[in-house]
Protein backbone atom coordinates (compact mmCIF):
# COMPACT_ATOMS: atom_id res chain seq x y z
CA MET A 1 101.16 85.57 136.75
CA PRO A 2 104.44 86.85 137.30
CA ILE A 3 105.08 89.49 140.12
CA ILE A 4 107.80 91.91 139.76
CA LYS A 5 108.71 93.68 143.29
CA ILE A 6 109.17 97.23 143.47
CA PRO A 7 112.57 98.58 145.33
CA THR A 8 110.93 101.66 147.88
CA PRO A 9 112.73 104.45 146.33
CA LEU A 10 110.54 103.77 142.94
CA ARG A 11 106.97 103.02 144.78
CA PRO A 12 105.72 106.41 145.03
CA HIS A 13 105.47 106.14 141.03
CA THR A 14 103.31 102.48 141.80
CA GLU A 15 101.15 104.44 144.25
CA GLY A 16 103.00 102.52 147.08
CA ARG A 17 102.83 99.48 145.77
CA ARG A 18 105.62 96.74 147.03
CA GLU A 19 104.77 94.29 144.26
CA LEU A 20 102.40 94.22 140.72
CA GLU A 21 101.37 90.97 139.64
CA LEU A 22 101.57 91.33 135.80
CA GLU A 23 100.81 89.35 132.50
CA GLY A 24 104.11 88.32 130.55
CA LYS A 25 105.44 85.18 129.28
CA THR A 26 108.78 87.15 128.75
CA ALA A 27 110.69 89.72 131.09
CA GLY A 28 109.96 92.37 128.62
CA GLU A 29 106.48 91.88 128.52
CA VAL A 30 106.14 91.89 132.24
CA LEU A 31 108.18 95.36 132.24
CA ASP A 32 106.17 96.51 129.04
CA ALA A 33 102.88 95.56 131.30
CA LEU A 34 104.02 97.98 134.28
CA CYS A 35 105.27 100.53 131.77
CA ALA A 36 101.71 100.51 130.38
CA LEU A 37 99.99 101.22 133.63
CA TYR A 38 102.90 103.50 135.24
CA PRO A 39 104.44 105.43 132.05
CA VAL A 40 106.90 107.43 134.27
CA PHE A 41 109.01 103.90 134.51
CA ARG A 42 109.46 103.96 130.19
CA GLU A 43 111.74 106.40 129.69
CA HIS A 44 113.68 105.36 133.19
CA PHE A 45 114.56 102.22 131.73
CA TYR A 46 114.68 102.50 128.57
CA GLU A 47 117.19 104.22 125.83
CA GLU A 48 115.53 105.45 122.78
CA ASN A 49 116.03 102.46 120.77
CA GLY A 50 114.59 99.99 123.25
CA GLU A 51 116.85 98.49 125.21
CA LEU A 52 117.59 98.70 128.48
CA ARG A 53 119.34 101.42 129.86
CA LYS A 54 122.51 99.96 131.62
CA PHE A 55 122.32 100.76 135.15
CA VAL A 56 118.54 98.99 135.22
CA ASN A 57 119.22 96.06 137.34
CA ILE A 58 116.17 93.10 136.73
CA ILE A 59 116.69 90.10 138.61
CA LEU A 60 114.85 86.66 137.84
CA ASP A 61 115.76 84.14 140.77
CA GLU A 62 119.60 84.95 141.27
CA SER A 63 120.26 85.82 137.69
CA HIS A 64 120.18 89.32 136.23
CA ILE A 65 117.99 89.18 132.74
CA LYS A 66 120.87 90.67 130.74
CA ASP A 67 123.02 87.20 131.42
CA LEU A 68 120.01 85.31 130.58
CA GLN A 69 117.95 86.28 127.47
CA GLY A 70 117.52 89.90 128.19
CA LEU A 71 114.30 91.09 127.43
CA ASP A 72 113.19 87.77 126.18
CA THR A 73 114.07 85.90 129.36
CA PRO A 74 110.74 83.52 129.54
CA LEU A 75 108.77 83.61 132.48
CA ALA A 76 106.59 80.47 133.94
CA GLU A 77 103.92 81.21 136.12
CA GLY A 78 104.84 82.44 139.79
CA ASP A 79 108.40 83.92 138.92
CA THR A 80 109.32 86.84 140.35
CA LEU A 81 111.10 89.72 138.92
CA ARG A 82 113.10 91.96 141.31
CA ILE A 83 113.95 95.79 139.89
CA LEU A 84 117.13 96.53 142.12
CA ALA A 85 117.48 100.02 142.15
CA SER A 86 121.64 101.67 141.27
CA ILE A 87 123.27 103.65 143.99
CA SER A 88 126.08 105.63 142.69
CA GLY A 89 128.35 108.20 144.79
CA GLY A 90 131.46 109.23 144.39
């Protein structure tokens, strides 16, 4: 199963877990599995039309999934997705 790594600022929403092994053959399926376990992520990750919000950064290996096939990016057994926390300031 693919693994998704959770950044420190989001770990309070995952009971402190750093990573989760979740079922899914695509990045979107893994994110859906994450949202099924922790529904708070759905409103933060997705627009009303089901697209990822612009500030949501999901990385497979060294590539942003938006530069691959987006939510349809295929995953193999043992692949690791990383959620990168967005930082803004002024």
